[in-house]
Amino acid sequence: MRQYGQLTVPGGAVTALVFRAGTLLCALPLDEVIETMRPLETRPLAGTPAFVRGVSVLRGVPTHVIDVARLLTGATGDVERFVAVGTGRGPVALATGTVLGIRDTDAGPVEAHPALLGGSHRLVAGIGTFGAEPLLLLQSMRAVPDDVWEAAAAADAR
């Protein structure tokens, strides 16, 4: 029997960090999370997509900041936390709303047709529930498409 606050996604078990991103409830596998922190000063970068808030310095390393709400919905949400995640090209800070905590999940691949998720289908590993709300389990390693890295690198070179 499922209890309120339990996250359910078809597949294998994953421990995840659950957070708000605008009106969405999202989660990241905990093994991809480096740390959470208060939002830091962010300097905008010209020529990057709207969901790239800019660059911040995290522990001495210049790090791109991605607005998760804007990335998934096109609308900016309130930014209350940064969640640093590892990617194949180094750390990225995800600007999120409230962090709700760490929850065990049952996660697996998205079975729905990709058209249901629009352009976000590359970012979502699974869809489940958290209480009565839908929850998107994100894939942080793919949260930053190559075209974003290339645009950010070009802006850095200016």
N, C-alpha and C. Protein backbone atom coordinates (compact mmCIF):
# COMPACT_ATOMS: atom_id res chain seq x y z
N MET A 1 0.84 -1.17 0.00
CA MET A 1 0.00 0.00 0.00
C MET A 1 0.88 1.23 0.00
N ARG A 2 0.54 2.21 -0.85
CA ARG A 2 1.32 3.43 -0.98
C ARG A 2 0.90 4.44 0.08
N GLN A 3 1.88 5.16 0.62
CA GLN A 3 1.61 6.18 1.63
C GLN A 3 1.81 7.55 1.02
N TYR A 4 1.17 8.58 1.62
CA TYR A 4 1.35 9.95 1.16
C TYR A 4 2.83 10.31 1.27
N GLY A 5 3.36 10.98 0.27
CA GLY A 5 4.77 11.37 0.28
C GLY A 5 5.68 10.34 -0.36
N GLN A 6 5.14 9.18 -0.69
CA GLN A 6 5.93 8.17 -1.37
C GLN A 6 5.93 8.49 -2.86
N LEU A 7 7.08 8.38 -3.47
CA LEU A 7 7.21 8.67 -4.89
C LEU A 7 7.09 7.37 -5.65
N THR A 8 6.28 7.33 -6.69
CA THR A 8 6.09 6.10 -7.43
C THR A 8 6.35 6.33 -8.91
N VAL A 9 7.31 5.62 -9.44
CA VAL A 9 7.63 5.61 -10.87
C VAL A 9 7.90 4.15 -11.21
N PRO A 10 7.37 3.61 -12.31
CA PRO A 10 7.61 2.20 -12.62
C PRO A 10 9.09 1.90 -12.82
N GLY A 11 9.58 0.78 -12.28
CA GLY A 11 10.97 0.37 -12.53
C GLY A 11 11.71 0.09 -11.25
N GLY A 12 13.05 0.31 -11.26
CA GLY A 12 13.91 0.01 -10.13
C GLY A 12 14.01 1.15 -9.13
N ALA A 13 14.48 0.84 -7.92
CA ALA A 13 14.55 1.81 -6.83
C ALA A 13 15.68 2.82 -7.03
N VAL A 14 15.39 4.11 -6.74
CA VAL A 14 16.35 5.20 -6.82
C VAL A 14 16.10 6.12 -5.64
N THR A 15 17.16 6.58 -4.99
CA THR A 15 17.04 7.61 -3.96
C THR A 15 17.23 8.94 -4.66
N ALA A 16 16.30 9.89 -4.45
CA ALA A 16 16.29 11.14 -5.22
C ALA A 16 16.09 12.35 -4.33
N LEU A 17 16.63 13.50 -4.80
CA LEU A 17 16.40 14.80 -4.18
C LEU A 17 15.17 15.39 -4.85
N VAL A 18 14.12 15.71 -4.08
CA VAL A 18 12.86 16.22 -4.60
C VAL A 18 12.82 17.73 -4.38
N PHE A 19 12.41 18.47 -5.44
CA PHE A 19 12.37 19.93 -5.36
C PHE A 19 11.30 20.49 -6.29
N ARG A 20 10.96 21.74 -6.07
CA ARG A 20 10.03 22.45 -6.93
C ARG A 20 10.80 23.17 -8.02
N ALA A 21 10.18 23.25 -9.20
CA ALA A 21 10.71 24.02 -10.32
C ALA A 21 9.51 24.73 -10.93
N GLY A 22 9.24 25.93 -10.45
CA GLY A 22 8.02 26.63 -10.85
C GLY A 22 6.83 25.85 -10.34
N THR A 23 5.91 25.51 -11.24
CA THR A 23 4.72 24.76 -10.84
C THR A 23 4.94 23.25 -10.83
N LEU A 24 6.12 22.81 -11.26
CA LEU A 24 6.41 21.38 -11.34
C LEU A 24 7.07 20.86 -10.07
N LEU A 25 6.89 19.59 -9.84
CA LEU A 25 7.61 18.87 -8.79
C LEU A 25 8.59 17.97 -9.52
N CYS A 26 9.88 18.08 -9.17
CA CYS A 26 10.93 17.35 -9.87
C CYS A 26 11.81 16.60 -8.88
N ALA A 27 12.59 15.66 -9.40
CA ALA A 27 13.54 14.91 -8.59
C ALA A 27 14.77 14.61 -9.43
N LEU A 28 15.89 14.51 -8.74
CA LEU A 28 17.16 14.10 -9.36
C LEU A 28 17.71 12.93 -8.58
N PRO A 29 18.24 11.91 -9.27
CA PRO A 29 18.88 10.82 -8.54
C PRO A 29 19.96 11.40 -7.62
N LEU A 30 19.94 10.98 -6.36
CA LEU A 30 20.85 11.55 -5.37
C LEU A 30 22.31 11.34 -5.73
N ASP A 31 22.64 10.26 -6.42
CA ASP A 31 24.04 10.02 -6.77
C ASP A 31 24.56 11.01 -7.81
N GLU A 32 23.69 11.82 -8.41
CA GLU A 32 24.12 12.85 -9.36
C GLU A 32 24.24 14.22 -8.71
N VAL A 33 23.75 14.36 -7.46
CA VAL A 33 23.77 15.64 -6.76
C VAL A 33 25.08 15.80 -6.01
N ILE A 34 25.74 16.94 -6.22
CA ILE A 34 26.98 17.25 -5.50
C ILE A 34 26.65 17.91 -4.18
N GLU A 35 25.82 18.96 -4.23
CA GLU A 35 25.39 19.66 -3.02
C GLU A 35 24.25 20.60 -3.35
N THR A 36 23.54 21.07 -2.31
CA THR A 36 22.55 22.12 -2.45
C THR A 36 23.05 23.33 -1.68
N MET A 37 22.65 24.51 -2.12
CA MET A 37 23.13 25.74 -1.48
C MET A 37 22.14 26.87 -1.76
N ARG A 38 22.31 27.95 -1.03
CA ARG A 38 21.52 29.15 -1.31
C ARG A 38 21.95 29.67 -2.68
N PRO A 39 21.07 30.41 -3.37
CA PRO A 39 21.46 30.95 -4.67
C PRO A 39 22.64 31.92 -4.51
N LEU A 40 23.56 31.83 -5.43
CA LEU A 40 24.74 32.68 -5.44
C LEU A 40 24.59 33.75 -6.52
N GLU A 41 25.42 34.78 -6.43
CA GLU A 41 25.42 35.81 -7.47
C GLU A 41 25.68 35.14 -8.82
N THR A 42 24.86 35.51 -9.77
CA THR A 42 24.97 34.93 -11.11
C THR A 42 25.14 36.05 -12.12
N ARG A 43 26.12 35.91 -12.98
CA ARG A 43 26.36 36.90 -14.03
C ARG A 43 25.80 36.36 -15.34
N PRO A 44 24.93 37.17 -16.00
CA PRO A 44 24.33 36.69 -17.25
C PRO A 44 25.35 36.54 -18.36
N LEU A 45 25.05 35.66 -19.31
CA LEU A 45 25.89 35.44 -20.48
C LEU A 45 25.06 35.74 -21.73
N ALA A 46 25.53 36.67 -22.54
CA ALA A 46 24.84 36.99 -23.79
C ALA A 46 24.93 35.81 -24.75
N GLY A 47 23.91 35.65 -25.55
CA GLY A 47 23.94 34.63 -26.58
C GLY A 47 23.60 33.23 -26.13
N THR A 48 23.19 33.06 -24.88
CA THR A 48 22.83 31.73 -24.40
C THR A 48 21.30 31.60 -24.40
N PRO A 49 20.79 30.38 -24.40
CA PRO A 49 19.34 30.19 -24.33
C PRO A 49 18.77 30.81 -23.06
N ALA A 50 17.48 31.12 -23.10
CA ALA A 50 16.83 31.80 -21.97
C ALA A 50 16.93 31.03 -20.66
N PHE A 51 17.02 29.70 -20.71
CA PHE A 51 17.08 28.92 -19.47
C PHE A 51 18.48 28.91 -18.84
N VAL A 52 19.48 29.46 -19.50
CA VAL A 52 20.81 29.61 -18.90
C VAL A 52 20.81 30.97 -18.20
N ARG A 53 20.77 30.93 -16.87
CA ARG A 53 20.72 32.17 -16.09
C ARG A 53 22.05 32.91 -16.15
N GLY A 54 23.13 32.17 -16.37
CA GLY A 54 24.45 32.79 -16.44
C GLY A 54 25.49 31.91 -15.79
N VAL A 55 26.48 32.56 -15.19
CA VAL A 55 27.58 31.83 -14.58
C VAL A 55 27.76 32.30 -13.14
N SER A 56 28.02 31.36 -12.24
CA SER A 56 28.34 31.63 -10.83
C SER A 56 29.64 30.92 -10.51
N VAL A 57 30.23 31.31 -9.40
CA VAL A 57 31.45 30.64 -8.94
C VAL A 57 31.08 29.76 -7.77
N LEU A 58 31.19 28.44 -7.96
CA LEU A 58 30.90 27.46 -6.91
C LEU A 58 32.21 26.84 -6.47
N ARG A 59 32.56 27.09 -5.23
CA ARG A 59 33.80 26.54 -4.66
C ARG A 59 35.01 26.81 -5.55
N GLY A 60 35.05 28.05 -6.08
CA GLY A 60 36.19 28.49 -6.88
C GLY A 60 36.14 28.10 -8.34
N VAL A 61 35.06 27.44 -8.77
CA VAL A 61 34.95 26.97 -10.15
C VAL A 61 33.82 27.73 -10.85
N PRO A 62 34.10 28.41 -11.98
CA PRO A 62 33.01 29.04 -12.75
C PRO A 62 32.05 27.95 -13.23
N THR A 63 30.76 28.13 -12.95
CA THR A 63 29.77 27.09 -13.19
C THR A 63 28.53 27.70 -13.83
N HIS A 64 28.06 27.08 -14.91
CA HIS A 64 26.84 27.55 -15.55
C HIS A 64 25.64 27.27 -14.66
N VAL A 65 24.68 28.20 -14.66
CA VAL A 65 23.46 28.08 -13.87
C VAL A 65 22.28 27.93 -14.81
N ILE A 66 21.54 26.84 -14.63
CA ILE A 66 20.38 26.51 -15.47
C ILE A 66 19.11 26.69 -14.64
N ASP A 67 18.15 27.45 -15.16
CA ASP A 67 16.85 27.63 -14.52
C ASP A 67 15.98 26.44 -14.91
N VAL A 68 15.75 25.53 -13.98
CA VAL A 68 15.03 24.29 -14.28
C VAL A 68 13.59 24.58 -14.71
N ALA A 69 12.91 25.50 -14.05
CA ALA A 69 11.53 25.82 -14.42
C ALA A 69 11.47 26.34 -15.85
N ARG A 70 12.36 27.23 -16.20
CA ARG A 70 12.37 27.78 -17.57
C ARG A 70 12.74 26.70 -18.58
N LEU A 71 13.66 25.84 -18.23
CA LEU A 71 14.07 24.76 -19.11
C LEU A 71 12.91 23.83 -19.44
N LEU A 72 12.11 23.50 -18.42
CA LEU A 72 11.02 22.53 -18.60
C LEU A 72 9.71 23.15 -19.06
N THR A 73 9.44 24.41 -18.64
CA THR A 73 8.13 25.00 -18.93
C THR A 73 8.19 26.27 -19.76
N GLY A 74 9.35 26.89 -19.84
CA GLY A 74 9.47 28.16 -20.54
C GLY A 74 9.20 29.35 -19.64
N ALA A 75 8.71 29.12 -18.41
CA ALA A 75 8.42 30.19 -17.46
C ALA A 75 9.39 30.11 -16.29
N THR A 76 9.83 31.27 -15.80
CA THR A 76 10.74 31.29 -14.66
C THR A 76 9.96 31.15 -13.37
N GLY A 77 10.47 30.32 -12.47
CA GLY A 77 9.89 30.18 -11.14
C GLY A 77 10.75 30.89 -10.12
N ASP A 78 10.29 30.93 -8.88
CA ASP A 78 11.08 31.50 -7.80
C ASP A 78 12.31 30.62 -7.57
N VAL A 79 13.47 31.26 -7.46
CA VAL A 79 14.70 30.51 -7.21
C VAL A 79 15.03 30.62 -5.72
N GLU A 80 14.99 29.48 -5.03
CA GLU A 80 15.30 29.44 -3.61
C GLU A 80 16.58 28.69 -3.32
N ARG A 81 16.97 27.78 -4.22
CA ARG A 81 18.17 26.97 -4.00
C ARG A 81 18.90 26.76 -5.31
N PHE A 82 20.19 26.49 -5.19
CA PHE A 82 20.99 25.96 -6.29
C PHE A 82 21.27 24.51 -5.93
N VAL A 83 21.14 23.62 -6.92
CA VAL A 83 21.51 22.23 -6.75
C VAL A 83 22.64 21.96 -7.72
N ALA A 84 23.83 21.72 -7.19
CA ALA A 84 24.99 21.43 -8.04
C ALA A 84 24.96 19.97 -8.42
N VAL A 85 25.08 19.70 -9.72
CA VAL A 85 25.09 18.33 -10.22
C VAL A 85 26.30 18.13 -11.11
N GLY A 86 26.75 16.88 -11.18
CA GLY A 86 27.85 16.54 -12.06
C GLY A 86 27.34 16.20 -13.44
N THR A 87 28.06 16.64 -14.46
CA THR A 87 27.74 16.28 -15.84
C THR A 87 29.02 15.79 -16.50
N GLY A 88 28.91 15.32 -17.70
CA GLY A 88 30.08 14.85 -18.43
C GLY A 88 31.06 15.96 -18.72
N ARG A 89 30.62 17.22 -18.61
CA ARG A 89 31.48 18.37 -18.91
C ARG A 89 31.76 19.22 -17.67
N GLY A 90 31.55 18.67 -16.51
CA GLY A 90 31.81 19.42 -15.28
C GLY A 90 30.52 19.73 -14.54
N PRO A 91 30.64 20.43 -13.42
CA PRO A 91 29.44 20.72 -12.62
C PRO A 91 28.55 21.77 -13.28
N VAL A 92 27.26 21.68 -12.97
CA VAL A 92 26.26 22.65 -13.38
C VAL A 92 25.42 22.94 -12.15
N ALA A 93 25.04 24.21 -11.97
CA ALA A 93 24.13 24.57 -10.88
C ALA A 93 22.73 24.68 -11.45
N LEU A 94 21.80 23.95 -10.86
CA LEU A 94 20.40 24.03 -11.26
C LEU A 94 19.69 24.98 -10.30
N ALA A 95 19.11 26.04 -10.84
CA ALA A 95 18.34 26.99 -10.04
C ALA A 95 16.95 26.39 -9.85
N THR A 96 16.57 26.15 -8.59
CA THR A 96 15.31 25.49 -8.28
C THR A 96 14.51 26.29 -7.27
N GLY A 97 13.30 25.85 -7.04
CA GLY A 97 12.50 26.39 -5.96
C GLY A 97 12.86 25.65 -4.67
N THR A 98 11.89 25.46 -3.82
CA THR A 98 12.09 24.80 -2.53
C THR A 98 12.57 23.36 -2.71
N VAL A 99 13.57 22.96 -1.92
CA VAL A 99 14.00 21.57 -1.87
C VAL A 99 13.18 20.89 -0.79
N LEU A 100 12.47 19.82 -1.16
CA LEU A 100 11.56 19.14 -0.24
C LEU A 100 12.21 17.99 0.51
N GLY A 101 13.40 17.57 0.07
CA GLY A 101 14.11 16.53 0.79
C GLY A 101 14.50 15.36 -0.09
N ILE A 102 14.96 14.32 0.58
CA ILE A 102 15.43 13.10 -0.08
C ILE A 102 14.38 12.03 0.12
N ARG A 103 13.99 11.38 -0.97
CA ARG A 103 12.96 10.34 -0.91
C ARG A 103 13.43 9.13 -1.70
N ASP A 104 13.06 7.94 -1.24
CA ASP A 104 13.27 6.73 -2.02
C ASP A 104 12.21 6.69 -3.10
N THR A 105 12.61 6.30 -4.28
CA THR A 105 11.69 6.27 -5.41
C THR A 105 11.73 4.91 -6.07
N ASP A 106 10.74 4.61 -6.83
CA ASP A 106 10.74 3.48 -7.75
C ASP A 106 10.82 4.10 -9.13
N ALA A 107 12.00 4.10 -9.74
CA ALA A 107 12.20 4.84 -10.98
C ALA A 107 12.51 3.91 -12.13
N GLY A 108 12.11 4.34 -13.29
CA GLY A 108 12.40 3.60 -14.50
C GLY A 108 12.24 4.49 -15.70
N PRO A 109 12.46 3.96 -16.89
CA PRO A 109 12.35 4.78 -18.09
C PRO A 109 10.93 5.25 -18.34
N VAL A 110 10.82 6.37 -19.02
CA VAL A 110 9.51 6.92 -19.37
C VAL A 110 8.87 6.00 -20.40
N GLU A 111 7.67 5.54 -20.10
CA GLU A 111 6.96 4.65 -21.01
C GLU A 111 6.03 5.43 -21.94
N ALA A 112 5.69 6.67 -21.55
CA ALA A 112 4.76 7.47 -22.34
C ALA A 112 5.40 7.90 -23.66
N HIS A 113 4.56 8.25 -24.59
CA HIS A 113 5.03 8.76 -25.88
C HIS A 113 5.78 10.07 -25.64
N PRO A 114 6.96 10.27 -26.22
CA PRO A 114 7.73 11.49 -26.01
C PRO A 114 6.97 12.77 -26.33
N ALA A 115 6.00 12.72 -27.23
CA ALA A 115 5.24 13.91 -27.59
C ALA A 115 4.48 14.49 -26.39
N LEU A 116 4.16 13.65 -25.42
CA LEU A 116 3.46 14.13 -24.23
C LEU A 116 4.30 15.09 -23.42
N LEU A 117 5.62 14.96 -23.51
CA LEU A 117 6.52 15.82 -22.75
C LEU A 117 7.09 16.96 -23.59
N GLY A 118 6.71 17.07 -24.84
CA GLY A 118 7.22 18.12 -25.70
C GLY A 118 8.74 18.02 -25.81
N GLY A 119 9.42 19.18 -25.80
CA GLY A 119 10.87 19.21 -25.91
C GLY A 119 11.58 18.72 -24.67
N SER A 120 10.86 18.50 -23.58
CA SER A 120 11.47 18.07 -22.33
C SER A 120 11.74 16.58 -22.27
N HIS A 121 11.31 15.81 -23.27
CA HIS A 121 11.41 14.35 -23.18
C HIS A 121 12.84 13.87 -23.01
N ARG A 122 13.85 14.61 -23.49
CA ARG A 122 15.24 14.20 -23.32
C ARG A 122 15.72 14.39 -21.88
N LEU A 123 15.00 15.18 -21.11
CA LEU A 123 15.42 15.51 -19.75
C LEU A 123 14.77 14.65 -18.69
N VAL A 124 13.72 13.94 -19.05
CA VAL A 124 12.91 13.22 -18.07
C VAL A 124 13.19 11.73 -18.15
N ALA A 125 13.62 11.16 -17.02
CA ALA A 125 13.89 9.72 -16.95
C ALA A 125 12.63 8.95 -16.59
N GLY A 126 11.73 9.58 -15.84
CA GLY A 126 10.52 8.90 -15.41
C GLY A 126 9.49 9.89 -14.92
N ILE A 127 8.26 9.45 -14.91
CA ILE A 127 7.16 10.26 -14.38
C ILE A 127 6.47 9.43 -13.32
N GLY A 128 6.25 10.03 -12.18
CA GLY A 128 5.60 9.33 -11.09
C GLY A 128 4.70 10.26 -10.32
N THR A 129 4.45 9.91 -9.09
CA THR A 129 3.64 10.76 -8.22
C THR A 129 4.34 10.97 -6.90
N PHE A 130 4.02 12.08 -6.28
CA PHE A 130 4.48 12.41 -4.94
C PHE A 130 3.23 12.89 -4.22
N GLY A 131 2.66 12.05 -3.39
CA GLY A 131 1.34 12.36 -2.85
C GLY A 131 0.34 12.38 -3.99
N ALA A 132 -0.35 13.50 -4.15
CA ALA A 132 -1.34 13.63 -5.21
C ALA A 132 -0.79 14.40 -6.42
N GLU A 133 0.50 14.73 -6.42
CA GLU A 133 1.08 15.52 -7.51
C GLU A 133 1.93 14.67 -8.45
N PRO A 134 1.91 15.02 -9.74
CA PRO A 134 2.84 14.36 -10.65
C PRO A 134 4.26 14.81 -10.36
N LEU A 135 5.21 13.94 -10.58
CA LEU A 135 6.62 14.24 -10.32
C LEU A 135 7.45 13.80 -11.52
N LEU A 136 8.36 14.66 -11.96
CA LEU A 136 9.27 14.34 -13.05
C LEU A 136 10.62 13.97 -12.48
N LEU A 137 11.08 12.77 -12.77
CA LEU A 137 12.42 12.35 -12.38
C LEU A 137 13.36 12.77 -13.52
N LEU A 138 14.27 13.69 -13.23
CA LEU A 138 15.15 14.25 -14.25
C LEU A 138 16.44 13.47 -14.39
N GLN A 139 17.05 13.59 -15.54
CA GLN A 139 18.36 13.02 -15.80
C GLN A 139 19.35 14.17 -15.86
N SER A 140 20.05 14.44 -14.79
CA SER A 140 20.93 15.61 -14.78
C SER A 140 22.05 15.51 -15.78
N MET A 141 22.53 14.32 -16.09
CA MET A 141 23.63 14.20 -17.04
C MET A 141 23.22 14.67 -18.42
N ARG A 142 21.93 14.64 -18.71
CA ARG A 142 21.46 15.12 -20.00
C ARG A 142 20.70 16.43 -19.87
N ALA A 143 20.72 17.04 -18.70
CA ALA A 143 19.96 18.27 -18.49
C ALA A 143 20.51 19.43 -19.29
N VAL A 144 21.75 19.33 -19.70
CA VAL A 144 22.36 20.41 -20.47
C VAL A 144 22.72 19.86 -21.84
N PRO A 145 21.88 20.12 -22.85
CA PRO A 145 22.16 19.62 -24.19
C PRO A 145 23.44 20.23 -24.76
N ASP A 146 24.03 19.56 -25.73
CA ASP A 146 25.27 20.03 -26.34
C ASP A 146 25.17 21.45 -26.88
N ASP A 147 24.01 21.83 -27.46
CA ASP A 147 23.90 23.17 -28.01
C ASP A 147 24.00 24.24 -26.92
N VAL A 148 23.58 23.92 -25.70
CA VAL A 148 23.72 24.87 -24.59
C VAL A 148 25.20 25.02 -24.23
N TRP A 149 25.90 23.90 -24.12
CA TRP A 149 27.33 23.97 -23.82
C TRP A 149 28.06 24.78 -24.87
N GLU A 150 27.72 24.56 -26.14
CA GLU A 150 28.40 25.28 -27.23
C GLU A 150 28.10 26.77 -27.17
N ALA A 151 26.84 27.14 -26.90
CA ALA A 151 26.47 28.56 -26.80
C ALA A 151 27.15 29.21 -25.60
N ALA A 152 27.21 28.49 -24.48
CA ALA A 152 27.87 29.03 -23.28
C ALA A 152 29.37 29.19 -23.51
N ALA A 153 29.98 28.23 -24.19
CA ALA A 153 31.41 28.32 -24.49
C ALA A 153 31.70 29.49 -25.41
N ALA A 154 30.83 29.72 -26.39
CA ALA A 154 31.01 30.84 -27.31
C ALA A 154 30.88 32.16 -26.55
N ALA A 155 29.92 32.25 -25.62
CA ALA A 155 29.75 33.47 -24.83
C ALA A 155 30.94 33.71 -23.92
N ASP A 156 31.50 32.62 -23.35
CA ASP A 156 32.67 32.75 -22.50
C ASP A 156 33.88 33.25 -23.28
N ALA A 157 33.96 32.88 -24.57
CA ALA A 157 35.12 33.24 -25.39
C ALA A 157 35.10 34.70 -25.80
N ARG A 158 33.95 35.37 -25.71
CA ARG A 158 33.84 36.78 -26.12
C ARG A 158 34.56 37.69 -25.18
